[in-house]
Amino acid sequence: MSGVPPTLGVILAGGLSRRMGGGDKPLLRLGGRTLLERVAERLRPQCAAGLILNANGDPARFAEFFDGPVVPDSVPETPGPLAGVLAALEHAASHHPGIAFVASVAGDTPFLPPDLVARLHAERAAAGTRLAIAASGGRAHYVDGLWPVELRNDLRAALVGEGLRRVGQWIARQGAAEAAWPDRPVDPFLNLNTPQDVALAEDLLPRDER
């Protein structure tokens, strides 16, 4: 992590999980452990400023599996992952005034790469952009990205003033670098949207974790 700007990590868990039948998808178990525990284990060492969870509703349901702050959306009606990013940016500005960046990941991505934050920072710096997003297998992963805290007011204006909801649309306005990983033998950004995805992920776990 030497040379990587101190970064606050946020796990985005505010979605409705419709394709999984509802409920808190990050609390699903994979190999005996929740997705939330697996994602936090991979992201926490990469974020010198700590780790928060973006989720709505009663935060107590996460207490057994996550020991950091649980930060709800600050925009009503669950408008999607951009609201989670905004909540994290505003939390960073209020509670970590010396931190300039937030790294976000989806709460259902248990195979995140250990160099995610470092690579995002490197690509952002090399390209001279303010944002960076992850990609694998030729596909961009808009919610797995790096966001400057200074853009929080711009993002709030887009969400509240314009009603913008598409992550890719807002990213396109700002310009973003892309850090790409191979998707073989395991896609590090495999996200578990359906019971079939969970079964696939079980097969991809090392034998001693199943």
N, C-alpha and C. Protein backbone atom coordinates (compact mmCIF):
# COMPACT_ATOMS: atom_id res chain seq x y z
N MET A 1 0.81 -1.20 0.00
CA MET A 1 0.00 0.00 0.00
C MET A 1 0.85 1.26 0.00
N SER A 2 2.18 1.12 -0.02
CA SER A 2 3.05 2.29 -0.02
C SER A 2 2.78 3.15 -1.25
N GLY A 3 2.62 4.44 -1.04
CA GLY A 3 2.37 5.36 -2.15
C GLY A 3 0.93 5.49 -2.54
N VAL A 4 0.04 4.69 -1.95
CA VAL A 4 -1.39 4.78 -2.25
C VAL A 4 -2.02 5.80 -1.31
N PRO A 5 -2.71 6.81 -1.84
CA PRO A 5 -3.35 7.80 -0.96
C PRO A 5 -4.31 7.11 0.02
N PRO A 6 -4.32 7.56 1.27
CA PRO A 6 -5.28 6.99 2.23
C PRO A 6 -6.70 7.06 1.68
N THR A 7 -7.38 5.95 1.73
CA THR A 7 -8.68 5.81 1.07
C THR A 7 -9.68 5.17 2.02
N LEU A 8 -10.90 5.70 2.01
CA LEU A 8 -11.98 5.09 2.78
C LEU A 8 -12.71 4.09 1.90
N GLY A 9 -12.90 2.89 2.40
CA GLY A 9 -13.61 1.87 1.63
C GLY A 9 -15.08 1.82 2.01
N VAL A 10 -15.94 1.57 1.03
CA VAL A 10 -17.37 1.39 1.31
C VAL A 10 -17.88 0.16 0.57
N ILE A 11 -18.58 -0.69 1.31
CA ILE A 11 -19.26 -1.84 0.73
C ILE A 11 -20.71 -1.42 0.50
N LEU A 12 -21.15 -1.50 -0.74
CA LEU A 12 -22.50 -1.07 -1.10
C LEU A 12 -23.47 -2.22 -0.91
N ALA A 13 -24.38 -2.06 0.04
CA ALA A 13 -25.34 -3.12 0.36
C ALA A 13 -26.75 -2.58 0.46
N GLY A 14 -27.02 -1.50 -0.26
CA GLY A 14 -28.33 -0.88 -0.15
C GLY A 14 -29.34 -1.33 -1.18
N GLY A 15 -28.98 -2.29 -2.02
CA GLY A 15 -29.88 -2.75 -3.07
C GLY A 15 -31.03 -3.59 -2.55
N LEU A 16 -31.99 -3.87 -3.44
CA LEU A 16 -33.20 -4.60 -3.06
C LEU A 16 -33.12 -6.10 -3.32
N SER A 17 -32.08 -6.56 -4.05
CA SER A 17 -31.84 -8.00 -4.27
C SER A 17 -33.04 -8.72 -4.85
N ARG A 18 -33.69 -8.11 -5.83
CA ARG A 18 -34.92 -8.71 -6.38
C ARG A 18 -34.67 -10.07 -7.01
N ARG A 19 -33.55 -10.22 -7.74
CA ARG A 19 -33.29 -11.49 -8.42
C ARG A 19 -32.92 -12.61 -7.46
N MET A 20 -32.59 -12.24 -6.21
CA MET A 20 -32.28 -13.24 -5.21
C MET A 20 -33.47 -13.50 -4.30
N GLY A 21 -34.59 -12.83 -4.59
CA GLY A 21 -35.78 -13.02 -3.79
C GLY A 21 -35.95 -12.04 -2.66
N GLY A 22 -35.15 -10.97 -2.67
CA GLY A 22 -35.26 -9.96 -1.63
C GLY A 22 -34.35 -10.23 -0.45
N GLY A 23 -34.35 -9.32 0.50
CA GLY A 23 -33.50 -9.48 1.68
C GLY A 23 -32.12 -8.89 1.47
N ASP A 24 -31.25 -9.11 2.43
CA ASP A 24 -29.88 -8.58 2.40
C ASP A 24 -28.95 -9.58 1.72
N LYS A 25 -28.66 -9.34 0.48
CA LYS A 25 -27.81 -10.27 -0.25
C LYS A 25 -26.44 -10.46 0.40
N PRO A 26 -25.80 -9.40 0.94
CA PRO A 26 -24.49 -9.60 1.57
C PRO A 26 -24.51 -10.53 2.79
N LEU A 27 -25.70 -10.83 3.32
CA LEU A 27 -25.77 -11.75 4.45
C LEU A 27 -25.97 -13.20 4.01
N LEU A 28 -26.06 -13.43 2.71
CA LEU A 28 -26.07 -14.81 2.22
C LEU A 28 -24.74 -15.48 2.55
N ARG A 29 -24.80 -16.78 2.75
CA ARG A 29 -23.58 -17.51 3.13
C ARG A 29 -22.96 -18.21 1.93
N LEU A 30 -21.66 -18.14 1.92
CA LEU A 30 -20.86 -18.81 0.88
C LEU A 30 -19.75 -19.55 1.60
N GLY A 31 -19.79 -20.88 1.52
CA GLY A 31 -18.79 -21.65 2.24
C GLY A 31 -18.83 -21.42 3.73
N GLY A 32 -20.02 -21.21 4.29
CA GLY A 32 -20.16 -21.06 5.73
C GLY A 32 -19.95 -19.65 6.25
N ARG A 33 -19.57 -18.70 5.39
CA ARG A 33 -19.35 -17.32 5.82
C ARG A 33 -20.20 -16.40 4.96
N THR A 34 -20.61 -15.27 5.51
CA THR A 34 -21.43 -14.36 4.74
C THR A 34 -20.60 -13.67 3.65
N LEU A 35 -21.31 -13.28 2.60
CA LEU A 35 -20.64 -12.50 1.55
C LEU A 35 -20.04 -11.23 2.14
N LEU A 36 -20.74 -10.61 3.08
CA LEU A 36 -20.25 -9.39 3.70
C LEU A 36 -18.90 -9.62 4.37
N GLU A 37 -18.76 -10.70 5.10
CA GLU A 37 -17.49 -11.00 5.76
C GLU A 37 -16.38 -11.21 4.74
N ARG A 38 -16.70 -11.89 3.66
CA ARG A 38 -15.68 -12.16 2.64
C ARG A 38 -15.25 -10.88 1.92
N VAL A 39 -16.22 -10.04 1.59
CA VAL A 39 -15.89 -8.79 0.91
C VAL A 39 -15.07 -7.88 1.83
N ALA A 40 -15.50 -7.76 3.08
CA ALA A 40 -14.78 -6.91 4.02
C ALA A 40 -13.36 -7.40 4.25
N GLU A 41 -13.18 -8.70 4.33
CA GLU A 41 -11.86 -9.27 4.54
C GLU A 41 -10.90 -8.90 3.41
N ARG A 42 -11.41 -8.82 2.20
CA ARG A 42 -10.56 -8.50 1.05
C ARG A 42 -10.33 -6.99 0.90
N LEU A 43 -11.33 -6.19 1.24
CA LEU A 43 -11.20 -4.75 1.01
C LEU A 43 -10.51 -4.03 2.17
N ARG A 44 -10.74 -4.45 3.40
CA ARG A 44 -10.24 -3.71 4.56
C ARG A 44 -8.73 -3.47 4.52
N PRO A 45 -7.88 -4.46 4.21
CA PRO A 45 -6.44 -4.20 4.21
C PRO A 45 -6.00 -3.17 3.17
N GLN A 46 -6.85 -2.88 2.19
CA GLN A 46 -6.49 -1.96 1.13
C GLN A 46 -6.88 -0.51 1.45
N CYS A 47 -7.59 -0.30 2.54
CA CYS A 47 -8.16 1.02 2.83
C CYS A 47 -7.64 1.53 4.16
N ALA A 48 -6.62 2.39 4.09
CA ALA A 48 -5.98 2.89 5.30
C ALA A 48 -6.91 3.73 6.16
N ALA A 49 -7.94 4.32 5.55
CA ALA A 49 -8.87 5.17 6.30
C ALA A 49 -10.02 4.38 6.91
N GLY A 50 -10.03 3.07 6.71
CA GLY A 50 -11.07 2.25 7.30
C GLY A 50 -12.14 1.83 6.31
N LEU A 51 -13.17 1.20 6.84
CA LEU A 51 -14.20 0.59 6.01
C LEU A 51 -15.57 0.92 6.61
N ILE A 52 -16.52 1.28 5.72
CA ILE A 52 -17.90 1.49 6.14
C ILE A 52 -18.81 0.63 5.28
N LEU A 53 -20.03 0.46 5.76
CA LEU A 53 -21.04 -0.30 5.03
C LEU A 53 -22.18 0.64 4.70
N ASN A 54 -22.58 0.70 3.44
CA ASN A 54 -23.76 1.47 3.05
C ASN A 54 -24.95 0.52 3.00
N ALA A 55 -25.91 0.75 3.90
CA ALA A 55 -27.11 -0.08 3.95
C ALA A 55 -28.21 0.72 4.62
N ASN A 56 -29.44 0.43 4.24
CA ASN A 56 -30.60 1.12 4.80
C ASN A 56 -31.32 0.22 5.80
N GLY A 57 -32.17 0.81 6.63
CA GLY A 57 -32.89 0.03 7.62
C GLY A 57 -32.09 -0.12 8.90
N ASP A 58 -32.49 -1.08 9.72
CA ASP A 58 -31.89 -1.29 11.03
C ASP A 58 -30.45 -1.82 10.87
N PRO A 59 -29.46 -1.06 11.33
CA PRO A 59 -28.08 -1.51 11.16
C PRO A 59 -27.72 -2.69 12.05
N ALA A 60 -28.53 -2.97 13.07
CA ALA A 60 -28.19 -4.03 14.02
C ALA A 60 -28.08 -5.40 13.35
N ARG A 61 -28.76 -5.57 12.23
CA ARG A 61 -28.73 -6.89 11.58
C ARG A 61 -27.36 -7.23 11.01
N PHE A 62 -26.50 -6.24 10.90
CA PHE A 62 -25.15 -6.49 10.37
C PHE A 62 -24.11 -6.62 11.48
N ALA A 63 -24.48 -6.36 12.72
CA ALA A 63 -23.50 -6.23 13.79
C ALA A 63 -22.64 -7.47 13.98
N GLU A 64 -23.23 -8.64 13.76
CA GLU A 64 -22.48 -9.88 13.96
C GLU A 64 -21.41 -10.08 12.90
N PHE A 65 -21.56 -9.42 11.76
CA PHE A 65 -20.69 -9.71 10.63
C PHE A 65 -19.82 -8.52 10.18
N PHE A 66 -20.08 -7.33 10.75
CA PHE A 66 -19.35 -6.14 10.31
C PHE A 66 -19.19 -5.20 11.51
N ASP A 67 -17.94 -4.78 11.78
CA ASP A 67 -17.68 -4.00 12.98
C ASP A 67 -17.42 -2.52 12.70
N GLY A 68 -17.74 -2.05 11.52
CA GLY A 68 -17.54 -0.65 11.20
C GLY A 68 -18.86 0.11 11.16
N PRO A 69 -18.81 1.40 10.83
CA PRO A 69 -20.04 2.20 10.74
C PRO A 69 -20.94 1.71 9.60
N VAL A 70 -22.24 1.73 9.85
CA VAL A 70 -23.23 1.45 8.82
C VAL A 70 -23.89 2.78 8.45
N VAL A 71 -23.73 3.19 7.20
CA VAL A 71 -24.14 4.51 6.74
C VAL A 71 -25.29 4.36 5.75
N PRO A 72 -26.47 4.88 6.06
CA PRO A 72 -27.60 4.75 5.12
C PRO A 72 -27.53 5.79 4.01
N ASP A 73 -28.34 5.57 2.98
CA ASP A 73 -28.48 6.57 1.92
C ASP A 73 -28.95 7.90 2.52
N SER A 74 -28.46 8.99 1.96
CA SER A 74 -28.93 10.31 2.38
C SER A 74 -29.95 10.87 1.39
N VAL A 75 -30.29 10.06 0.37
CA VAL A 75 -31.30 10.41 -0.62
C VAL A 75 -32.44 9.41 -0.47
N PRO A 76 -33.70 9.85 -0.40
CA PRO A 76 -34.82 8.93 -0.14
C PRO A 76 -35.16 8.03 -1.31
N GLU A 77 -35.93 6.99 -1.01
CA GLU A 77 -36.54 6.10 -2.00
C GLU A 77 -35.55 5.16 -2.68
N THR A 78 -34.44 4.86 -2.05
CA THR A 78 -33.48 3.87 -2.54
C THR A 78 -33.19 4.04 -4.03
N PRO A 79 -32.55 5.14 -4.41
CA PRO A 79 -32.35 5.42 -5.83
C PRO A 79 -31.23 4.65 -6.51
N GLY A 80 -30.56 3.75 -5.80
CA GLY A 80 -29.56 2.93 -6.45
C GLY A 80 -28.16 3.18 -5.94
N PRO A 81 -27.16 2.55 -6.59
CA PRO A 81 -25.79 2.59 -6.06
C PRO A 81 -25.18 3.98 -6.00
N LEU A 82 -25.59 4.90 -6.86
CA LEU A 82 -25.04 6.26 -6.77
C LEU A 82 -25.36 6.89 -5.42
N ALA A 83 -26.52 6.55 -4.86
CA ALA A 83 -26.87 7.07 -3.54
C ALA A 83 -25.93 6.53 -2.48
N GLY A 84 -25.52 5.28 -2.63
CA GLY A 84 -24.56 4.70 -1.69
C GLY A 84 -23.21 5.36 -1.80
N VAL A 85 -22.78 5.64 -3.02
CA VAL A 85 -21.52 6.35 -3.22
C VAL A 85 -21.60 7.74 -2.59
N LEU A 86 -22.72 8.43 -2.82
CA LEU A 86 -22.89 9.76 -2.24
C LEU A 86 -22.84 9.70 -0.71
N ALA A 87 -23.51 8.73 -0.12
CA ALA A 87 -23.50 8.59 1.34
C ALA A 87 -22.07 8.42 1.85
N ALA A 88 -21.28 7.64 1.13
CA ALA A 88 -19.89 7.42 1.54
C ALA A 88 -19.05 8.68 1.39
N LEU A 89 -19.25 9.41 0.31
CA LEU A 89 -18.50 10.65 0.11
C LEU A 89 -18.84 11.66 1.20
N GLU A 90 -20.11 11.77 1.53
CA GLU A 90 -20.52 12.72 2.56
C GLU A 90 -20.03 12.28 3.94
N HIS A 91 -20.03 10.98 4.19
CA HIS A 91 -19.49 10.46 5.44
C HIS A 91 -18.00 10.77 5.54
N ALA A 92 -17.28 10.57 4.45
CA ALA A 92 -15.84 10.87 4.46
C ALA A 92 -15.59 12.34 4.76
N ALA A 93 -16.36 13.22 4.13
CA ALA A 93 -16.17 14.66 4.34
C ALA A 93 -16.43 15.04 5.80
N SER A 94 -17.41 14.38 6.44
CA SER A 94 -17.78 14.72 7.81
C SER A 94 -16.88 14.08 8.85
N HIS A 95 -16.45 12.84 8.61
CA HIS A 95 -15.75 12.08 9.63
C HIS A 95 -14.27 11.84 9.33
N HIS A 96 -13.86 12.04 8.09
CA HIS A 96 -12.46 11.85 7.71
C HIS A 96 -12.02 13.01 6.83
N PRO A 97 -11.94 14.22 7.39
CA PRO A 97 -11.70 15.41 6.56
C PRO A 97 -10.39 15.41 5.81
N GLY A 98 -9.44 14.59 6.21
CA GLY A 98 -8.17 14.55 5.49
C GLY A 98 -8.14 13.54 4.36
N ILE A 99 -9.24 12.81 4.16
CA ILE A 99 -9.29 11.76 3.15
C ILE A 99 -9.91 12.30 1.87
N ALA A 100 -9.23 12.10 0.76
CA ALA A 100 -9.69 12.66 -0.51
C ALA A 100 -10.41 11.66 -1.40
N PHE A 101 -10.34 10.36 -1.08
CA PHE A 101 -10.92 9.35 -1.97
C PHE A 101 -11.70 8.29 -1.21
N VAL A 102 -12.72 7.81 -1.88
CA VAL A 102 -13.51 6.66 -1.41
C VAL A 102 -13.45 5.58 -2.48
N ALA A 103 -13.20 4.35 -2.06
CA ALA A 103 -13.25 3.20 -2.97
C ALA A 103 -14.50 2.40 -2.65
N SER A 104 -15.33 2.14 -3.65
CA SER A 104 -16.57 1.40 -3.44
C SER A 104 -16.51 0.04 -4.11
N VAL A 105 -17.19 -0.92 -3.47
CA VAL A 105 -17.33 -2.25 -4.06
C VAL A 105 -18.74 -2.75 -3.80
N ALA A 106 -19.20 -3.64 -4.65
CA ALA A 106 -20.51 -4.27 -4.44
C ALA A 106 -20.42 -5.27 -3.31
N GLY A 107 -21.52 -5.40 -2.56
CA GLY A 107 -21.53 -6.28 -1.40
C GLY A 107 -21.69 -7.75 -1.72
N ASP A 108 -21.71 -8.08 -3.02
CA ASP A 108 -21.88 -9.49 -3.41
C ASP A 108 -20.74 -9.96 -4.30
N THR A 109 -19.53 -9.41 -4.07
CA THR A 109 -18.37 -9.76 -4.89
C THR A 109 -17.28 -10.38 -4.00
N PRO A 110 -17.37 -11.67 -3.71
CA PRO A 110 -16.48 -12.28 -2.73
C PRO A 110 -15.06 -12.56 -3.20
N PHE A 111 -14.77 -12.33 -4.48
CA PHE A 111 -13.43 -12.66 -4.99
C PHE A 111 -12.63 -11.42 -5.37
N LEU A 112 -12.88 -10.29 -4.74
CA LEU A 112 -12.21 -9.04 -5.07
C LEU A 112 -10.69 -9.19 -5.07
N PRO A 113 -10.00 -8.51 -6.00
CA PRO A 113 -8.53 -8.61 -6.06
C PRO A 113 -7.87 -7.85 -4.91
N PRO A 114 -6.75 -8.33 -4.42
CA PRO A 114 -6.08 -7.68 -3.30
C PRO A 114 -5.39 -6.37 -3.68
N ASP A 115 -5.27 -6.11 -4.97
CA ASP A 115 -4.63 -4.86 -5.42
C ASP A 115 -5.64 -3.88 -6.03
N LEU A 116 -6.92 -4.05 -5.70
CA LEU A 116 -7.96 -3.23 -6.32
C LEU A 116 -7.70 -1.73 -6.11
N VAL A 117 -7.56 -1.30 -4.88
CA VAL A 117 -7.44 0.13 -4.59
C VAL A 117 -6.15 0.69 -5.17
N ALA A 118 -5.05 -0.04 -5.03
CA ALA A 118 -3.77 0.43 -5.58
C ALA A 118 -3.84 0.58 -7.10
N ARG A 119 -4.45 -0.38 -7.77
CA ARG A 119 -4.55 -0.31 -9.23
C ARG A 119 -5.45 0.83 -9.67
N LEU A 120 -6.56 1.03 -8.98
CA LEU A 120 -7.45 2.13 -9.33
C LEU A 120 -6.74 3.47 -9.19
N HIS A 121 -5.99 3.65 -8.12
CA HIS A 121 -5.24 4.89 -7.94
C HIS A 121 -4.18 5.06 -9.03
N ALA A 122 -3.49 3.98 -9.36
CA ALA A 122 -2.45 4.06 -10.37
C ALA A 122 -3.02 4.44 -11.74
N GLU A 123 -4.12 3.83 -12.11
CA GLU A 123 -4.72 4.13 -13.41
C GLU A 123 -5.28 5.55 -13.44
N ARG A 124 -5.87 5.97 -12.34
CA ARG A 124 -6.40 7.34 -12.27
C ARG A 124 -5.27 8.36 -12.44
N ALA A 125 -4.17 8.14 -11.73
CA ALA A 125 -3.05 9.07 -11.81
C ALA A 125 -2.43 9.08 -13.20
N ALA A 126 -2.29 7.90 -13.80
CA ALA A 126 -1.68 7.81 -15.12
C ALA A 126 -2.53 8.48 -16.18
N ALA A 127 -3.84 8.38 -16.05
CA ALA A 127 -4.74 8.94 -17.06
C ALA A 127 -5.07 10.41 -16.80
N GLY A 128 -4.76 10.89 -15.60
CA GLY A 128 -5.07 12.27 -15.27
C GLY A 128 -6.55 12.52 -15.08
N THR A 129 -7.29 11.48 -14.64
CA THR A 129 -8.74 11.62 -14.40
C THR A 129 -9.00 11.68 -12.90
N ARG A 130 -10.23 12.04 -12.55
CA ARG A 130 -10.59 12.09 -11.14
C ARG A 130 -11.20 10.78 -10.67
N LEU A 131 -11.76 10.00 -11.59
CA LEU A 131 -12.40 8.74 -11.24
C LEU A 131 -11.62 7.58 -11.85
N ALA A 132 -11.83 6.41 -11.28
CA ALA A 132 -11.33 5.18 -11.90
C ALA A 132 -12.32 4.06 -11.58
N ILE A 133 -12.51 3.17 -12.53
CA ILE A 133 -13.41 2.05 -12.34
C ILE A 133 -12.70 0.75 -12.71
N ALA A 134 -13.21 -0.34 -12.19
CA ALA A 134 -12.64 -1.65 -12.46
C ALA A 134 -13.31 -2.28 -13.68
N ALA A 135 -12.61 -3.21 -14.31
CA ALA A 135 -13.14 -3.95 -15.44
C ALA A 135 -12.53 -5.35 -15.44
N SER A 136 -13.25 -6.29 -16.04
CA SER A 136 -12.73 -7.64 -16.24
C SER A 136 -13.46 -8.27 -17.41
N GLY A 137 -12.74 -9.07 -18.16
CA GLY A 137 -13.36 -9.75 -19.29
C GLY A 137 -14.00 -8.80 -20.28
N GLY A 138 -13.46 -7.60 -20.44
CA GLY A 138 -14.02 -6.63 -21.37
C GLY A 138 -15.27 -5.93 -20.88
N ARG A 139 -15.59 -6.07 -19.61
CA ARG A 139 -16.82 -5.47 -19.05
C ARG A 139 -16.46 -4.54 -17.91
N ALA A 140 -17.00 -3.32 -17.94
CA ALA A 140 -16.76 -2.36 -16.87
C ALA A 140 -17.68 -2.65 -15.69
N HIS A 141 -17.14 -2.45 -14.49
CA HIS A 141 -17.90 -2.64 -13.26
C HIS A 141 -18.01 -1.28 -12.58
N TYR A 142 -19.09 -0.59 -12.87
CA TYR A 142 -19.20 0.81 -12.48
C TYR A 142 -19.23 1.04 -10.98
N VAL A 143 -19.74 0.09 -10.21
CA VAL A 143 -19.82 0.34 -8.77
C VAL A 143 -18.54 -0.04 -8.04
N ASP A 144 -17.62 -0.70 -8.73
CA ASP A 144 -16.32 -1.02 -8.14
C ASP A 144 -15.35 0.05 -8.62
N GLY A 145 -15.27 1.13 -7.87
CA GLY A 145 -14.53 2.28 -8.38
C GLY A 145 -13.94 3.15 -7.31
N LEU A 146 -13.28 4.20 -7.77
CA LEU A 146 -12.60 5.16 -6.92
C LEU A 146 -13.21 6.53 -7.19
N TRP A 147 -13.62 7.22 -6.10
CA TRP A 147 -14.38 8.45 -6.21
C TRP A 147 -13.76 9.55 -5.36
N PRO A 148 -13.52 10.73 -5.91
CA PRO A 148 -12.99 11.83 -5.10
C PRO A 148 -14.09 12.46 -4.24
N VAL A 149 -13.76 12.71 -3.00
CA VAL A 149 -14.73 13.29 -2.06
C VAL A 149 -15.19 14.66 -2.55
N GLU A 150 -14.33 15.37 -3.27
CA GLU A 150 -14.67 16.72 -3.73
C GLU A 150 -15.83 16.75 -4.71
N LEU A 151 -16.23 15.60 -5.26
CA LEU A 151 -17.33 15.56 -6.21
C LEU A 151 -18.69 15.30 -5.54
N ARG A 152 -18.73 15.30 -4.23
CA ARG A 152 -19.98 14.94 -3.55
C ARG A 152 -21.11 15.91 -3.87
N ASN A 153 -20.82 17.21 -3.96
CA ASN A 153 -21.90 18.17 -4.25
C ASN A 153 -22.40 18.01 -5.67
N ASP A 154 -21.51 17.72 -6.59
CA ASP A 154 -21.90 17.48 -7.98
C ASP A 154 -22.80 16.24 -8.07
N LEU A 155 -22.42 15.21 -7.36
CA LEU A 155 -23.22 13.98 -7.38
C LEU A 155 -24.58 14.20 -6.74
N ARG A 156 -24.64 14.92 -5.64
CA ARG A 156 -25.93 15.20 -5.00
C ARG A 156 -26.83 16.00 -5.95
N ALA A 157 -26.27 16.97 -6.65
CA ALA A 157 -27.07 17.76 -7.58
C ALA A 157 -27.63 16.88 -8.69
N ALA A 158 -26.82 15.93 -9.18
CA ALA A 158 -27.29 15.03 -10.23
C ALA A 158 -28.40 14.12 -9.74
N LEU A 159 -28.24 13.58 -8.52
CA LEU A 159 -29.22 12.65 -7.97
C LEU A 159 -30.53 13.35 -7.59
N VAL A 160 -30.41 14.46 -6.88
CA VAL A 160 -31.60 15.13 -6.34
C VAL A 160 -32.18 16.13 -7.33
N GLY A 161 -31.31 16.92 -7.93
CA GLY A 161 -31.80 17.96 -8.83
C GLY A 161 -32.24 17.44 -10.19
N GLU A 162 -31.52 16.44 -10.72
CA GLU A 162 -31.81 15.93 -12.05
C GLU A 162 -32.54 14.60 -12.03
N GLY A 163 -32.51 13.91 -10.91
CA GLY A 163 -33.10 12.57 -10.87
C GLY A 163 -32.27 11.53 -11.59
N LEU A 164 -30.98 11.77 -11.77
CA LEU A 164 -30.11 10.82 -12.46
C LEU A 164 -29.94 9.57 -11.62
N ARG A 165 -30.00 8.41 -12.26
CA ARG A 165 -29.87 7.15 -11.53
C ARG A 165 -28.79 6.23 -12.12
N ARG A 166 -28.43 6.38 -13.36
CA ARG A 166 -27.50 5.46 -14.01
C ARG A 166 -26.06 5.81 -13.66
N VAL A 167 -25.37 4.85 -13.06
CA VAL A 167 -23.99 5.09 -12.63
C VAL A 167 -23.10 5.44 -13.83
N GLY A 168 -23.25 4.68 -14.91
CA GLY A 168 -22.42 4.90 -16.09
C GLY A 168 -22.61 6.28 -16.68
N GLN A 169 -23.81 6.80 -16.59
CA GLN A 169 -24.07 8.12 -17.15
C GLN A 169 -23.32 9.20 -16.38
N TRP A 170 -23.32 9.10 -15.07
CA TRP A 170 -22.60 10.10 -14.28
C TRP A 170 -21.09 9.96 -14.45
N ILE A 171 -20.61 8.73 -14.52
CA ILE A 171 -19.19 8.50 -14.74
C ILE A 171 -18.75 9.09 -16.07
N ALA A 172 -19.56 8.93 -17.10
CA ALA A 172 -19.22 9.45 -18.43
C ALA A 172 -19.07 10.97 -18.40
N ARG A 173 -19.84 11.63 -17.58
CA ARG A 173 -19.72 13.09 -17.47
C ARG A 173 -18.37 13.50 -16.89
N GLN A 174 -17.89 12.70 -15.94
CA GLN A 174 -16.68 13.08 -15.22
C GLN A 174 -15.41 12.63 -15.94
N GLY A 175 -15.52 11.53 -16.67
CA GLY A 175 -14.33 10.93 -17.26
C GLY A 175 -13.69 10.00 -16.24
N ALA A 176 -13.36 8.80 -16.64
CA ALA A 176 -12.80 7.83 -15.70
C ALA A 176 -11.76 6.96 -16.36
N ALA A 177 -10.71 6.66 -15.61
CA ALA A 177 -9.74 5.67 -16.05
C ALA A 177 -10.31 4.28 -15.77
N GLU A 178 -9.74 3.28 -16.41
CA GLU A 178 -10.21 1.90 -16.23
C GLU A 178 -9.04 1.00 -15.89
N ALA A 179 -9.18 0.26 -14.80
CA ALA A 179 -8.20 -0.74 -14.41
C ALA A 179 -8.79 -2.11 -14.71
N ALA A 180 -8.11 -2.89 -15.53
CA ALA A 180 -8.67 -4.16 -16.00
C ALA A 180 -7.94 -5.36 -15.40
N TRP A 181 -8.71 -6.39 -15.07
CA TRP A 181 -8.19 -7.65 -14.58
C TRP A 181 -8.66 -8.78 -15.49
N PRO A 182 -7.90 -9.86 -15.57
CA PRO A 182 -8.39 -11.03 -16.31
C PRO A 182 -9.56 -11.67 -15.59
N ASP A 183 -10.44 -12.32 -16.34
CA ASP A 183 -11.58 -12.98 -15.72
C ASP A 183 -11.41 -14.49 -15.64
N ARG A 184 -10.20 -14.98 -15.83
CA ARG A 184 -9.89 -16.39 -15.71
C ARG A 184 -8.67 -16.56 -14.81
N PRO A 185 -8.61 -17.61 -13.98
CA PRO A 185 -9.60 -18.68 -13.86
C PRO A 185 -10.86 -18.27 -13.09
N VAL A 186 -10.78 -17.17 -12.31
CA VAL A 186 -11.94 -16.68 -11.57
C VAL A 186 -12.07 -15.18 -11.83
N ASP A 187 -13.26 -14.75 -12.18
CA ASP A 187 -13.50 -13.32 -12.36
C ASP A 187 -13.50 -12.67 -10.98
N PRO A 188 -12.56 -11.75 -10.70
CA PRO A 188 -12.51 -11.16 -9.36
C PRO A 188 -13.71 -10.28 -9.04
N PHE A 189 -14.50 -9.95 -10.07
CA PHE A 189 -15.68 -9.11 -9.86
C PHE A 189 -16.98 -9.87 -10.11
N LEU A 190 -16.89 -11.19 -10.04
CA LEU A 190 -18.10 -12.00 -10.13
C LEU A 190 -19.07 -11.57 -9.04
N ASN A 191 -20.25 -11.12 -9.45
CA ASN A 191 -21.25 -10.74 -8.45
C ASN A 191 -22.40 -11.74 -8.47
N LEU A 192 -22.94 -11.99 -7.30
CA LEU A 192 -23.89 -13.09 -7.11
C LEU A 192 -25.30 -12.53 -7.10
N ASN A 193 -25.97 -12.61 -8.24
CA ASN A 193 -27.30 -12.05 -8.39
C ASN A 193 -28.41 -13.07 -8.25
N THR A 194 -28.10 -14.33 -8.45
CA THR A 194 -29.11 -15.38 -8.45
C THR A 194 -28.61 -16.58 -7.65
N PRO A 195 -29.51 -17.48 -7.25
CA PRO A 195 -29.05 -18.70 -6.57
C PRO A 195 -28.06 -19.50 -7.42
N GLN A 196 -28.21 -19.44 -8.74
CA GLN A 196 -27.27 -20.13 -9.61
C GLN A 196 -25.87 -19.54 -9.50
N ASP A 197 -25.79 -18.22 -9.34
CA ASP A 197 -24.49 -17.57 -9.16
C ASP A 197 -23.83 -18.02 -7.86
N VAL A 198 -24.65 -18.18 -6.83
CA VAL A 198 -24.11 -18.64 -5.54
C VAL A 198 -23.54 -20.05 -5.69
N ALA A 199 -24.26 -20.90 -6.40
CA ALA A 199 -23.78 -22.27 -6.61
C ALA A 199 -22.47 -22.27 -7.39
N LEU A 200 -22.37 -21.41 -8.40
CA LEU A 200 -21.12 -21.29 -9.15
C LEU A 200 -19.98 -20.85 -8.25
N ALA A 201 -20.25 -19.86 -7.41
CA ALA A 201 -19.21 -19.35 -6.52
C ALA A 201 -18.75 -20.42 -5.53
N GLU A 202 -19.68 -21.24 -5.07
CA GLU A 202 -19.31 -22.35 -4.17
C GLU A 202 -18.29 -23.26 -4.85
N ASP A 203 -18.52 -23.55 -6.13
CA ASP A 203 -17.60 -24.41 -6.87
C ASP A 203 -16.24 -23.77 -7.07
N LEU A 204 -16.20 -22.42 -7.07
CA LEU A 204 -14.94 -21.71 -7.30
C LEU A 204 -14.11 -21.53 -6.03
N LEU A 205 -14.73 -21.75 -4.87
CA LEU A 205 -14.00 -21.62 -3.63
C LEU A 205 -12.91 -22.69 -3.52
N PRO A 206 -11.79 -22.35 -2.88
CA PRO A 206 -10.81 -23.40 -2.57
C PRO A 206 -11.46 -24.50 -1.75
N ARG A 207 -10.98 -25.71 -1.90
CA ARG A 207 -11.62 -26.85 -1.25
C ARG A 207 -11.70 -26.69 0.27
N ASP A 208 -10.70 -26.04 0.87
CA ASP A 208 -10.70 -25.93 2.33
C ASP A 208 -11.68 -24.85 2.83
N GLU A 209 -12.34 -24.13 1.90
CA GLU A 209 -13.31 -23.11 2.30
C GLU A 209 -14.75 -23.54 2.02
N ARG A 210 -14.94 -24.69 1.41
CA ARG A 210 -16.30 -25.11 1.05
C ARG A 210 -17.01 -25.74 2.24
